[in-house]
Amino acid sequence: MPGTDLLDLGGLRLPQWPDTEIRLESGGVPARLLAATALHEGTVLQLQAYRGTSAQWATVRAEFIDGVREQGGTARERTGPHGVEIRCTLPADSGEDPEAGPDLRVLGREGPGWLLRGTVTGPDIDPGPDHEDWAADYFAEVVVVPGFGRRRAVSLAAAWGRVRTAEPIPLRFPA
């Protein structure tokens, strides 16, 4: 939605759309914000951003698909409204029907030195021709701020050219 205000979460700027709820997820020790989740009419879109020169969407997609399959789930690429995405079914908990695991749709977008991943559950997993694809449209409007929270310290690993491929871009609570 053009002209929409953006919620400043540090490493991400999220559109403030009508009937969309934003939740922040924290964890780790010390506790820190790990992801932002947007909810709209039963659809849940979890957003996480990463920085690094080799964390590109094609590579991450292949690794994710391999990981799901190694765990006994199913995963495949498909072309969505904004590029290649992943559609998968994770394996169910032990003792349950192996086909009864959760269905996911994973979206990806990259820019210079960053990757944005969106994990979708709910009605927008498989939007039909009569269903607006809220998740993909919202995902396309998210702004990534790759330099947020970057420390300027020099490390021996950086001097040797070792770059972490999945360094999360930190988030903060809105002001």
N, C-alpha and C. Protein backbone atom coordinates (compact mmCIF):
# COMPACT_ATOMS: atom_id res chain seq x y z
N MET A 1 0.84 -1.17 0.00
CA MET A 1 0.00 0.00 0.00
C MET A 1 0.88 1.24 0.00
N PRO A 2 0.97 1.94 -1.11
CA PRO A 2 1.81 3.13 -1.19
C PRO A 2 1.43 4.15 -0.12
N GLY A 3 2.44 4.83 0.41
CA GLY A 3 2.20 5.87 1.40
C GLY A 3 2.00 5.33 2.81
N THR A 4 2.22 4.04 3.02
CA THR A 4 2.04 3.43 4.32
C THR A 4 3.21 3.80 5.23
N ASP A 5 2.89 4.10 6.49
CA ASP A 5 3.94 4.34 7.47
C ASP A 5 4.66 3.02 7.76
N LEU A 6 5.96 3.14 8.08
CA LEU A 6 6.77 1.96 8.40
C LEU A 6 7.08 1.94 9.89
N LEU A 7 6.96 0.78 10.51
CA LEU A 7 7.31 0.59 11.90
C LEU A 7 8.80 0.29 11.96
N ASP A 8 9.57 1.12 12.67
CA ASP A 8 11.02 1.00 12.75
C ASP A 8 11.40 0.00 13.84
N LEU A 9 11.93 -1.15 13.41
CA LEU A 9 12.39 -2.18 14.34
C LEU A 9 13.90 -2.33 14.29
N GLY A 10 14.61 -1.31 13.84
CA GLY A 10 16.06 -1.39 13.72
C GLY A 10 16.46 -1.99 12.40
N GLY A 11 16.67 -3.31 12.36
CA GLY A 11 17.10 -4.00 11.15
C GLY A 11 16.00 -4.21 10.13
N LEU A 12 14.75 -4.02 10.53
CA LEU A 12 13.61 -4.13 9.62
C LEU A 12 12.69 -2.94 9.79
N ARG A 13 12.07 -2.55 8.70
CA ARG A 13 11.00 -1.55 8.72
C ARG A 13 9.77 -2.26 8.15
N LEU A 14 8.71 -2.36 8.96
CA LEU A 14 7.53 -3.10 8.54
C LEU A 14 6.38 -2.17 8.21
N PRO A 15 5.67 -2.46 7.11
CA PRO A 15 4.49 -1.66 6.77
C PRO A 15 3.43 -1.78 7.86
N GLN A 16 2.77 -0.67 8.14
CA GLN A 16 1.67 -0.67 9.10
C GLN A 16 0.37 -0.65 8.32
N TRP A 17 -0.07 -1.84 7.94
CA TRP A 17 -1.28 -1.99 7.12
C TRP A 17 -2.49 -2.20 8.01
N PRO A 18 -3.66 -1.79 7.53
CA PRO A 18 -4.89 -2.02 8.30
C PRO A 18 -5.10 -3.52 8.55
N ASP A 19 -5.66 -3.82 9.69
CA ASP A 19 -5.99 -5.20 10.07
C ASP A 19 -4.78 -6.13 10.10
N THR A 20 -3.59 -5.56 10.32
CA THR A 20 -2.37 -6.36 10.43
C THR A 20 -1.78 -6.13 11.81
N GLU A 21 -1.56 -7.22 12.54
CA GLU A 21 -0.98 -7.16 13.87
C GLU A 21 0.50 -7.55 13.76
N ILE A 22 1.36 -6.82 14.48
CA ILE A 22 2.80 -7.11 14.50
C ILE A 22 3.16 -7.64 15.89
N ARG A 23 3.88 -8.76 15.91
CA ARG A 23 4.39 -9.33 17.16
C ARG A 23 5.89 -9.48 17.03
N LEU A 24 6.59 -9.34 18.15
CA LEU A 24 8.04 -9.50 18.18
C LEU A 24 8.38 -10.76 18.97
N GLU A 25 9.33 -11.54 18.45
CA GLU A 25 9.73 -12.79 19.08
C GLU A 25 11.13 -12.64 19.65
N SER A 26 11.30 -13.03 20.91
CA SER A 26 12.61 -12.92 21.54
C SER A 26 13.06 -14.28 22.05
N GLY A 27 14.36 -14.39 22.32
CA GLY A 27 14.92 -15.62 22.85
C GLY A 27 16.42 -15.48 23.01
N GLY A 28 17.04 -16.56 23.42
CA GLY A 28 18.49 -16.56 23.58
C GLY A 28 18.91 -16.03 24.93
N VAL A 29 20.22 -16.13 25.19
CA VAL A 29 20.82 -15.61 26.41
C VAL A 29 22.04 -14.81 26.00
N PRO A 30 22.09 -13.53 26.22
CA PRO A 30 21.01 -12.73 26.79
C PRO A 30 19.84 -12.62 25.81
N ALA A 31 18.66 -12.36 26.34
CA ALA A 31 17.46 -12.26 25.50
C ALA A 31 17.62 -11.14 24.49
N ARG A 32 17.20 -11.42 23.26
CA ARG A 32 17.22 -10.41 22.21
C ARG A 32 16.08 -10.71 21.24
N LEU A 33 15.72 -9.72 20.47
CA LEU A 33 14.66 -9.91 19.48
C LEU A 33 15.21 -10.75 18.33
N LEU A 34 14.49 -11.80 17.95
CA LEU A 34 14.94 -12.71 16.91
C LEU A 34 14.18 -12.56 15.61
N ALA A 35 12.90 -12.19 15.70
CA ALA A 35 12.06 -12.14 14.50
C ALA A 35 10.88 -11.22 14.75
N ALA A 36 10.28 -10.79 13.66
CA ALA A 36 9.02 -10.06 13.72
C ALA A 36 7.99 -10.89 12.98
N THR A 37 6.77 -10.90 13.48
CA THR A 37 5.70 -11.67 12.86
C THR A 37 4.53 -10.74 12.58
N ALA A 38 4.04 -10.82 11.34
CA ALA A 38 2.86 -10.05 10.94
C ALA A 38 1.70 -11.03 10.78
N LEU A 39 0.54 -10.68 11.34
CA LEU A 39 -0.64 -11.54 11.28
C LEU A 39 -1.78 -10.79 10.61
N HIS A 40 -2.49 -11.50 9.71
CA HIS A 40 -3.60 -10.88 8.98
C HIS A 40 -4.59 -11.97 8.56
N GLU A 41 -5.80 -11.90 9.11
CA GLU A 41 -6.89 -12.80 8.72
C GLU A 41 -6.47 -14.28 8.68
N GLY A 42 -5.80 -14.73 9.72
CA GLY A 42 -5.41 -16.13 9.82
C GLY A 42 -4.07 -16.48 9.21
N THR A 43 -3.49 -15.57 8.45
CA THR A 43 -2.17 -15.80 7.86
C THR A 43 -1.10 -15.25 8.80
N VAL A 44 -0.04 -16.03 9.00
CA VAL A 44 1.08 -15.63 9.84
C VAL A 44 2.32 -15.56 8.95
N LEU A 45 3.02 -14.43 9.00
CA LEU A 45 4.25 -14.23 8.23
C LEU A 45 5.37 -13.87 9.20
N GLN A 46 6.29 -14.82 9.42
CA GLN A 46 7.44 -14.57 10.29
C GLN A 46 8.58 -14.03 9.44
N LEU A 47 9.20 -12.94 9.89
CA LEU A 47 10.24 -12.26 9.13
C LEU A 47 11.56 -12.27 9.89
N GLN A 48 12.63 -12.67 9.19
CA GLN A 48 13.98 -12.63 9.75
C GLN A 48 14.93 -12.16 8.66
N ALA A 49 15.86 -11.28 9.04
CA ALA A 49 16.84 -10.77 8.08
C ALA A 49 18.24 -11.16 8.53
N TYR A 50 19.09 -11.42 7.54
CA TYR A 50 20.47 -11.85 7.78
C TYR A 50 21.40 -11.05 6.90
N ARG A 51 22.64 -10.90 7.38
CA ARG A 51 23.64 -10.24 6.54
C ARG A 51 24.80 -11.20 6.30
N GLY A 52 25.53 -10.94 5.24
CA GLY A 52 26.66 -11.77 4.87
C GLY A 52 26.74 -11.87 3.36
N THR A 53 27.92 -11.95 2.85
CA THR A 53 28.09 -11.92 1.40
C THR A 53 27.68 -13.22 0.72
N SER A 54 27.65 -14.34 1.45
CA SER A 54 27.33 -15.59 0.78
C SER A 54 25.96 -16.15 1.15
N ALA A 55 25.18 -15.41 1.92
CA ALA A 55 23.85 -15.89 2.31
C ALA A 55 22.82 -15.49 1.26
N GLN A 56 22.98 -16.01 0.06
CA GLN A 56 22.07 -15.65 -1.02
C GLN A 56 20.92 -16.64 -1.09
N TRP A 57 19.79 -16.16 -1.60
CA TRP A 57 18.55 -16.91 -1.58
C TRP A 57 18.66 -18.27 -2.29
N ALA A 58 19.32 -18.36 -3.42
CA ALA A 58 19.44 -19.64 -4.13
C ALA A 58 20.16 -20.68 -3.27
N THR A 59 21.22 -20.27 -2.60
CA THR A 59 21.97 -21.18 -1.73
C THR A 59 21.15 -21.58 -0.52
N VAL A 60 20.52 -20.61 0.12
CA VAL A 60 19.72 -20.88 1.31
C VAL A 60 18.54 -21.79 0.97
N ARG A 61 17.90 -21.56 -0.17
CA ARG A 61 16.78 -22.41 -0.61
C ARG A 61 17.23 -23.87 -0.72
N ALA A 62 18.35 -24.09 -1.41
CA ALA A 62 18.84 -25.46 -1.60
C ALA A 62 19.16 -26.13 -0.26
N GLU A 63 19.80 -25.40 0.65
CA GLU A 63 20.14 -25.96 1.96
C GLU A 63 18.88 -26.26 2.77
N PHE A 64 17.90 -25.37 2.70
CA PHE A 64 16.65 -25.56 3.44
C PHE A 64 15.91 -26.79 2.93
N ILE A 65 15.79 -26.90 1.61
CA ILE A 65 15.10 -28.05 1.01
C ILE A 65 15.80 -29.35 1.39
N ASP A 66 17.13 -29.39 1.31
CA ASP A 66 17.88 -30.58 1.71
C ASP A 66 17.61 -30.93 3.18
N GLY A 67 17.60 -29.91 4.04
CA GLY A 67 17.36 -30.14 5.46
C GLY A 67 15.98 -30.70 5.75
N VAL A 68 14.96 -30.17 5.07
CA VAL A 68 13.60 -30.68 5.26
C VAL A 68 13.51 -32.13 4.80
N ARG A 69 14.09 -32.44 3.66
CA ARG A 69 14.05 -33.81 3.13
C ARG A 69 14.82 -34.78 4.02
N GLU A 70 15.96 -34.35 4.57
CA GLU A 70 16.74 -35.21 5.46
C GLU A 70 15.96 -35.57 6.72
N GLN A 71 15.05 -34.69 7.14
CA GLN A 71 14.23 -34.94 8.33
C GLN A 71 12.97 -35.73 8.01
N GLY A 72 12.77 -36.08 6.73
CA GLY A 72 11.61 -36.87 6.34
C GLY A 72 10.44 -36.05 5.83
N GLY A 73 10.63 -34.76 5.64
CA GLY A 73 9.57 -33.92 5.10
C GLY A 73 9.66 -33.82 3.58
N THR A 74 8.76 -33.05 3.01
CA THR A 74 8.78 -32.82 1.57
C THR A 74 8.98 -31.33 1.32
N ALA A 75 9.68 -31.00 0.26
CA ALA A 75 9.93 -29.60 -0.08
C ALA A 75 10.21 -29.48 -1.56
N ARG A 76 9.73 -28.39 -2.14
CA ARG A 76 9.97 -28.13 -3.56
C ARG A 76 9.97 -26.62 -3.80
N GLU A 77 10.65 -26.24 -4.85
CA GLU A 77 10.63 -24.84 -5.27
C GLU A 77 9.42 -24.61 -6.16
N ARG A 78 8.93 -23.38 -6.14
CA ARG A 78 7.88 -22.98 -7.07
C ARG A 78 8.04 -21.49 -7.32
N THR A 79 7.51 -21.04 -8.43
CA THR A 79 7.57 -19.62 -8.75
C THR A 79 6.34 -18.93 -8.19
N GLY A 80 6.57 -17.93 -7.35
CA GLY A 80 5.49 -17.15 -6.76
C GLY A 80 5.41 -15.78 -7.42
N PRO A 81 4.57 -14.92 -6.89
CA PRO A 81 4.37 -13.61 -7.49
C PRO A 81 5.61 -12.71 -7.46
N HIS A 82 6.54 -12.99 -6.55
CA HIS A 82 7.74 -12.14 -6.43
C HIS A 82 9.02 -12.95 -6.56
N GLY A 83 8.97 -14.11 -7.21
CA GLY A 83 10.18 -14.90 -7.41
C GLY A 83 10.03 -16.33 -6.92
N VAL A 84 11.17 -17.01 -6.81
CA VAL A 84 11.17 -18.42 -6.42
C VAL A 84 10.97 -18.53 -4.91
N GLU A 85 10.08 -19.44 -4.52
CA GLU A 85 9.80 -19.68 -3.11
C GLU A 85 9.83 -21.18 -2.85
N ILE A 86 9.68 -21.55 -1.59
CA ILE A 86 9.68 -22.95 -1.19
C ILE A 86 8.31 -23.30 -0.63
N ARG A 87 7.81 -24.45 -1.00
CA ARG A 87 6.57 -25.00 -0.42
C ARG A 87 6.98 -26.31 0.22
N CYS A 88 6.70 -26.48 1.51
CA CYS A 88 7.14 -27.71 2.17
C CYS A 88 6.15 -28.18 3.22
N THR A 89 6.28 -29.46 3.54
CA THR A 89 5.57 -30.06 4.66
C THR A 89 6.64 -30.65 5.57
N LEU A 90 6.68 -30.16 6.79
CA LEU A 90 7.66 -30.66 7.75
C LEU A 90 7.18 -32.00 8.30
N PRO A 91 8.11 -32.84 8.74
CA PRO A 91 7.70 -34.12 9.30
C PRO A 91 6.91 -33.90 10.59
N ALA A 92 5.94 -34.79 10.83
CA ALA A 92 5.15 -34.71 12.05
C ALA A 92 5.98 -35.19 13.23
N ASP A 93 5.51 -34.87 14.42
CA ASP A 93 6.15 -35.39 15.62
C ASP A 93 6.08 -36.91 15.60
N SER A 94 7.05 -37.56 16.24
CA SER A 94 7.06 -39.03 16.25
C SER A 94 5.76 -39.57 16.84
N GLY A 95 5.32 -40.68 16.28
CA GLY A 95 4.09 -41.29 16.76
C GLY A 95 2.85 -40.80 16.03
N GLU A 96 2.99 -39.78 15.20
CA GLU A 96 1.86 -39.26 14.45
C GLU A 96 1.98 -39.68 13.00
N ASP A 97 0.92 -39.45 12.26
CA ASP A 97 0.93 -39.69 10.82
C ASP A 97 2.05 -38.86 10.21
N PRO A 98 3.03 -39.48 9.50
CA PRO A 98 4.16 -38.72 8.96
C PRO A 98 3.74 -37.64 7.97
N GLU A 99 2.55 -37.76 7.39
CA GLU A 99 2.08 -36.76 6.43
C GLU A 99 1.34 -35.62 7.13
N ALA A 100 1.22 -35.68 8.47
CA ALA A 100 0.40 -34.72 9.21
C ALA A 100 1.19 -33.53 9.73
N GLY A 101 2.42 -33.36 9.30
CA GLY A 101 3.23 -32.24 9.76
C GLY A 101 2.74 -30.91 9.20
N PRO A 102 3.25 -29.82 9.74
CA PRO A 102 2.80 -28.50 9.29
C PRO A 102 3.27 -28.16 7.87
N ASP A 103 2.40 -27.47 7.14
CA ASP A 103 2.74 -26.96 5.82
C ASP A 103 3.29 -25.56 5.96
N LEU A 104 4.33 -25.25 5.18
CA LEU A 104 4.96 -23.93 5.20
C LEU A 104 5.20 -23.45 3.78
N ARG A 105 5.24 -22.16 3.65
CA ARG A 105 5.67 -21.49 2.42
C ARG A 105 6.79 -20.55 2.85
N VAL A 106 7.92 -20.61 2.18
CA VAL A 106 9.07 -19.79 2.56
C VAL A 106 9.40 -18.86 1.41
N LEU A 107 9.41 -17.56 1.71
CA LEU A 107 9.71 -16.52 0.73
C LEU A 107 11.12 -16.00 0.99
N GLY A 108 11.79 -15.52 -0.03
CA GLY A 108 13.12 -14.95 0.13
C GLY A 108 13.34 -13.78 -0.79
N ARG A 109 14.12 -12.84 -0.30
CA ARG A 109 14.50 -11.67 -1.09
C ARG A 109 15.89 -11.26 -0.63
N GLU A 110 16.74 -10.87 -1.57
CA GLU A 110 18.10 -10.50 -1.20
C GLU A 110 18.47 -9.15 -1.79
N GLY A 111 19.46 -8.55 -1.17
CA GLY A 111 20.03 -7.30 -1.65
C GLY A 111 21.52 -7.35 -1.38
N PRO A 112 22.21 -6.24 -1.57
CA PRO A 112 23.66 -6.23 -1.36
C PRO A 112 24.02 -6.56 0.10
N GLY A 113 24.52 -7.76 0.32
CA GLY A 113 24.96 -8.16 1.65
C GLY A 113 23.86 -8.54 2.62
N TRP A 114 22.63 -8.77 2.17
CA TRP A 114 21.56 -9.15 3.08
C TRP A 114 20.58 -10.12 2.42
N LEU A 115 19.85 -10.82 3.29
CA LEU A 115 18.82 -11.76 2.87
C LEU A 115 17.64 -11.62 3.82
N LEU A 116 16.45 -11.51 3.27
CA LEU A 116 15.21 -11.48 4.06
C LEU A 116 14.47 -12.79 3.81
N ARG A 117 14.09 -13.45 4.90
CA ARG A 117 13.33 -14.69 4.79
C ARG A 117 11.97 -14.51 5.46
N GLY A 118 10.93 -14.96 4.79
CA GLY A 118 9.58 -14.92 5.34
C GLY A 118 8.99 -16.31 5.35
N THR A 119 8.49 -16.75 6.50
CA THR A 119 7.88 -18.07 6.63
C THR A 119 6.38 -17.87 6.83
N VAL A 120 5.59 -18.48 5.95
CA VAL A 120 4.15 -18.26 5.92
C VAL A 120 3.41 -19.51 6.38
N THR A 121 2.42 -19.32 7.26
CA THR A 121 1.46 -20.36 7.61
C THR A 121 0.07 -19.75 7.50
N GLY A 122 -0.92 -20.60 7.35
CA GLY A 122 -2.30 -20.12 7.24
C GLY A 122 -2.77 -20.07 5.80
N PRO A 123 -3.85 -19.33 5.53
CA PRO A 123 -4.48 -19.33 4.21
C PRO A 123 -3.56 -18.94 3.05
N ASP A 124 -2.57 -18.10 3.30
CA ASP A 124 -1.69 -17.65 2.21
C ASP A 124 -0.60 -18.65 1.85
N ILE A 125 -0.61 -19.84 2.45
CA ILE A 125 0.34 -20.87 2.04
C ILE A 125 0.13 -21.19 0.57
N ASP A 126 -1.11 -21.31 0.19
CA ASP A 126 -1.43 -21.69 -1.18
C ASP A 126 -2.60 -20.84 -1.68
N PRO A 127 -2.35 -19.54 -1.92
CA PRO A 127 -3.46 -18.68 -2.35
C PRO A 127 -3.94 -19.07 -3.74
N GLY A 128 -5.23 -19.13 -3.89
CA GLY A 128 -5.82 -19.46 -5.19
C GLY A 128 -6.08 -18.21 -6.00
N PRO A 129 -6.63 -18.37 -7.19
CA PRO A 129 -6.87 -17.21 -8.06
C PRO A 129 -7.88 -16.22 -7.49
N ASP A 130 -8.75 -16.68 -6.59
CA ASP A 130 -9.75 -15.78 -6.00
C ASP A 130 -9.32 -15.25 -4.64
N HIS A 131 -8.08 -15.52 -4.26
CA HIS A 131 -7.60 -15.12 -2.93
C HIS A 131 -6.42 -14.16 -3.09
N GLU A 132 -6.52 -13.00 -2.49
CA GLU A 132 -5.41 -12.04 -2.53
C GLU A 132 -4.23 -12.61 -1.75
N ASP A 133 -3.02 -12.48 -2.28
CA ASP A 133 -1.82 -13.02 -1.63
C ASP A 133 -1.23 -11.96 -0.70
N TRP A 134 -1.88 -11.78 0.45
CA TRP A 134 -1.45 -10.77 1.40
C TRP A 134 0.01 -10.98 1.81
N ALA A 135 0.41 -12.22 2.11
CA ALA A 135 1.76 -12.49 2.61
C ALA A 135 2.83 -12.03 1.62
N ALA A 136 2.68 -12.38 0.36
CA ALA A 136 3.68 -11.99 -0.65
C ALA A 136 3.69 -10.48 -0.85
N ASP A 137 2.52 -9.86 -0.85
CA ASP A 137 2.46 -8.41 -1.03
C ASP A 137 3.09 -7.68 0.15
N TYR A 138 2.82 -8.14 1.37
CA TYR A 138 3.41 -7.53 2.56
C TYR A 138 4.92 -7.73 2.57
N PHE A 139 5.36 -8.95 2.28
CA PHE A 139 6.78 -9.29 2.25
C PHE A 139 7.54 -8.37 1.29
N ALA A 140 6.94 -8.07 0.15
CA ALA A 140 7.59 -7.22 -0.86
C ALA A 140 7.78 -5.79 -0.37
N GLU A 141 7.02 -5.36 0.62
CA GLU A 141 7.10 -3.99 1.13
C GLU A 141 8.00 -3.84 2.36
N VAL A 142 8.50 -4.94 2.90
CA VAL A 142 9.39 -4.88 4.07
C VAL A 142 10.73 -4.30 3.64
N VAL A 143 11.26 -3.39 4.46
CA VAL A 143 12.55 -2.75 4.18
C VAL A 143 13.59 -3.35 5.13
N VAL A 144 14.73 -3.76 4.57
CA VAL A 144 15.84 -4.30 5.36
C VAL A 144 16.89 -3.21 5.53
N VAL A 145 17.40 -3.07 6.77
CA VAL A 145 18.45 -2.09 7.08
C VAL A 145 19.68 -2.91 7.50
N PRO A 146 20.51 -3.32 6.52
CA PRO A 146 21.59 -4.27 6.82
C PRO A 146 22.66 -3.73 7.75
N GLY A 147 22.86 -2.43 7.82
CA GLY A 147 23.91 -1.87 8.66
C GLY A 147 23.50 -1.68 10.11
N PHE A 148 22.22 -1.89 10.44
CA PHE A 148 21.77 -1.67 11.81
C PHE A 148 22.45 -2.64 12.77
N GLY A 149 22.99 -2.10 13.87
CA GLY A 149 23.59 -2.92 14.91
C GLY A 149 24.94 -3.50 14.58
N ARG A 150 25.51 -3.09 13.47
CA ARG A 150 26.82 -3.63 13.08
C ARG A 150 27.89 -3.01 13.97
N ARG A 151 28.72 -3.88 14.51
CA ARG A 151 29.85 -3.40 15.32
C ARG A 151 31.01 -3.10 14.41
N ARG A 152 31.77 -2.10 14.74
CA ARG A 152 32.88 -1.69 13.89
C ARG A 152 34.20 -2.32 14.33
N ALA A 153 34.14 -3.26 15.26
CA ALA A 153 35.36 -3.91 15.74
C ALA A 153 35.96 -4.78 14.64
N VAL A 154 37.27 -4.81 14.61
CA VAL A 154 37.98 -5.64 13.64
C VAL A 154 38.27 -6.98 14.32
N SER A 155 38.01 -8.06 13.62
CA SER A 155 38.28 -9.37 14.20
C SER A 155 39.28 -10.11 13.32
N LEU A 156 39.96 -11.06 13.91
CA LEU A 156 40.91 -11.87 13.17
C LEU A 156 40.19 -12.65 12.07
N ALA A 157 38.99 -13.15 12.36
CA ALA A 157 38.23 -13.90 11.34
C ALA A 157 37.94 -13.02 10.13
N ALA A 158 37.57 -11.77 10.36
CA ALA A 158 37.29 -10.87 9.24
C ALA A 158 38.57 -10.59 8.47
N ALA A 159 39.68 -10.48 9.19
CA ALA A 159 40.95 -10.22 8.51
C ALA A 159 41.34 -11.37 7.60
N TRP A 160 40.95 -12.58 7.96
CA TRP A 160 41.24 -13.75 7.15
C TRP A 160 40.18 -13.97 6.08
N GLY A 161 39.18 -13.12 6.04
CA GLY A 161 38.17 -13.23 5.00
C GLY A 161 37.06 -14.20 5.29
N ARG A 162 36.93 -14.62 6.54
CA ARG A 162 35.84 -15.54 6.90
C ARG A 162 34.62 -14.71 7.28
N VAL A 163 33.57 -14.84 6.50
CA VAL A 163 32.35 -14.08 6.77
C VAL A 163 31.27 -15.06 7.18
N ARG A 164 30.61 -14.78 8.29
CA ARG A 164 29.49 -15.62 8.71
C ARG A 164 28.37 -15.46 7.69
N THR A 165 27.84 -16.57 7.23
CA THR A 165 26.85 -16.50 6.16
C THR A 165 25.43 -16.27 6.67
N ALA A 166 25.19 -16.42 7.95
CA ALA A 166 23.83 -16.27 8.45
C ALA A 166 23.80 -15.42 9.72
N GLU A 167 24.47 -14.29 9.70
CA GLU A 167 24.48 -13.40 10.85
C GLU A 167 23.16 -12.64 10.89
N PRO A 168 22.34 -12.85 11.92
CA PRO A 168 21.06 -12.14 11.97
C PRO A 168 21.26 -10.63 12.06
N ILE A 169 20.45 -9.90 11.36
CA ILE A 169 20.43 -8.45 11.50
C ILE A 169 19.55 -8.17 12.72
N PRO A 170 20.09 -7.49 13.74
CA PRO A 170 19.33 -7.34 14.98
C PRO A 170 18.09 -6.46 14.81
N LEU A 171 17.15 -6.72 15.71
CA LEU A 171 15.93 -5.92 15.78
C LEU A 171 15.89 -5.22 17.12
N ARG A 172 15.05 -4.22 17.23
CA ARG A 172 14.84 -3.52 18.50
C ARG A 172 13.35 -3.22 18.64
N PHE A 173 12.95 -2.96 19.87
CA PHE A 173 11.57 -2.56 20.09
C PHE A 173 11.36 -1.18 19.50
N PRO A 174 10.18 -0.92 18.96
CA PRO A 174 9.93 0.41 18.39
C PRO A 174 9.93 1.48 19.48
N ALA A 175 10.31 2.68 19.09
CA ALA A 175 10.37 3.79 20.06
C ALA A 175 8.98 4.24 20.45
